[in-house]
Amino acid sequence: MRDHESLVIETIREMVERRTGTTATVTLDSDMIDDLEMDSLEIAELSAVLEEEYGEDPYTAGTLARTPREVLAFYQATSSS
């Protein structure tokens, strides 16, 4: 199992690069909708990858994360409870 940060950043970068055909820079504070222009299908794909890897994901749990940092905060909160 990869660590959460690597998986989230790499998955988002791969999706954006697949769509745009160019190298994407993804940071913890990149807004997936405004900065990276991800659409609802890409967010759903990210949700599926996270669910498969970790057994849960923020979107299914009702958290509407817009940045990788917010996705990671979900996992930090669930691992400490």
Protein backbone atom coordinates (compact mmCIF):
# COMPACT_ATOMS: atom_id res chain seq x y z
CA MET A 1 0.00 0.00 0.00
CA ARG A 2 1.40 3.38 -1.00
CA ASP A 3 1.28 6.25 1.44
CA HIS A 4 -1.75 8.48 1.08
CA GLU A 5 0.07 11.59 -0.15
CA SER A 6 1.95 9.78 -2.93
CA LEU A 7 -1.15 7.96 -4.14
CA VAL A 8 -3.34 11.07 -4.17
CA ILE A 9 -0.81 13.33 -5.90
CA GLU A 10 0.28 10.70 -8.44
CA THR A 11 -3.27 9.66 -9.30
CA ILE A 12 -4.42 13.24 -9.85
CA ARG A 13 -1.32 14.08 -11.90
CA GLU A 14 -1.79 11.01 -14.10
CA MET A 15 -5.44 11.84 -14.73
CA VAL A 16 -4.72 15.47 -15.66
CA GLU A 17 -1.80 14.48 -17.88
CA ARG A 18 -3.91 11.84 -19.62
CA ARG A 19 -6.56 14.47 -20.39
CA THR A 20 -4.27 17.33 -21.39
CA GLY A 21 -1.35 15.46 -22.92
CA THR A 22 1.06 17.74 -21.06
CA THR A 23 3.01 17.54 -17.84
CA ALA A 24 0.90 18.56 -14.86
CA THR A 25 2.11 20.12 -11.64
CA VAL A 26 -0.01 19.04 -8.70
CA THR A 27 0.61 20.38 -5.20
CA LEU A 28 -1.17 19.73 -1.94
CA ASP A 29 -3.04 23.00 -2.40
CA SER A 30 -4.00 22.62 -6.08
CA ASP A 31 -7.74 23.08 -6.43
CA MET A 32 -8.82 20.04 -8.42
CA ILE A 33 -11.73 21.88 -10.03
CA ASP A 34 -10.46 25.46 -10.49
CA ASP A 35 -6.70 24.89 -10.98
CA LEU A 36 -6.58 21.42 -12.54
CA GLU A 37 -9.99 21.63 -14.27
CA MET A 38 -10.97 18.10 -13.21
CA ASP A 39 -14.54 17.19 -14.07
CA SER A 40 -17.00 15.07 -12.13
CA LEU A 41 -15.93 11.88 -13.91
CA GLU A 42 -12.31 12.42 -12.92
CA ILE A 43 -13.34 13.08 -9.31
CA ALA A 44 -15.37 9.85 -9.43
CA GLU A 45 -12.34 8.01 -10.80
CA LEU A 46 -10.18 9.41 -7.98
CA SER A 47 -12.83 8.28 -5.52
CA ALA A 48 -12.76 4.76 -6.96
CA VAL A 49 -8.96 4.57 -6.79
CA LEU A 50 -8.95 5.71 -3.16
CA GLU A 51 -11.75 3.30 -2.25
CA GLU A 52 -9.91 0.40 -3.87
CA GLU A 53 -6.60 1.23 -2.20
CA TYR A 54 -7.80 2.17 1.30
CA GLY A 55 -11.30 0.76 1.65
CA GLU A 56 -12.89 4.20 2.02
CA ASP A 57 -12.76 7.58 0.38
CA PRO A 58 -13.78 11.10 1.36
CA TYR A 59 -16.37 11.52 -1.40
CA THR A 60 -18.40 8.45 -0.46
CA ALA A 61 -18.18 9.55 3.17
CA GLY A 62 -19.73 12.91 2.24
CA THR A 63 -16.59 15.07 2.31
CA LEU A 64 -16.32 17.29 -0.75
CA ALA A 65 -12.55 17.66 -0.88
CA ARG A 66 -11.29 20.15 -3.47
CA THR A 67 -7.55 19.90 -2.83
CA PRO A 68 -5.21 16.98 -2.24
CA ARG A 69 -4.59 18.43 1.25
CA GLU A 70 -8.32 18.12 2.02
CA VAL A 71 -8.30 14.50 0.78
CA LEU A 72 -5.35 13.76 3.06
CA ALA A 73 -7.07 15.49 6.00
CA PHE A 74 -9.91 12.99 5.62
CA TYR A 75 -7.53 10.06 6.05
CA GLN A 76 -5.75 11.72 8.97
CA ALA A 77 -9.10 12.27 10.71
CA THR A 78 -10.28 8.70 10.11
CA SER A 79 -7.00 7.13 11.22
CA SER A 80 -7.00 9.06 14.50
CA SER A 81 -10.56 8.11 15.43
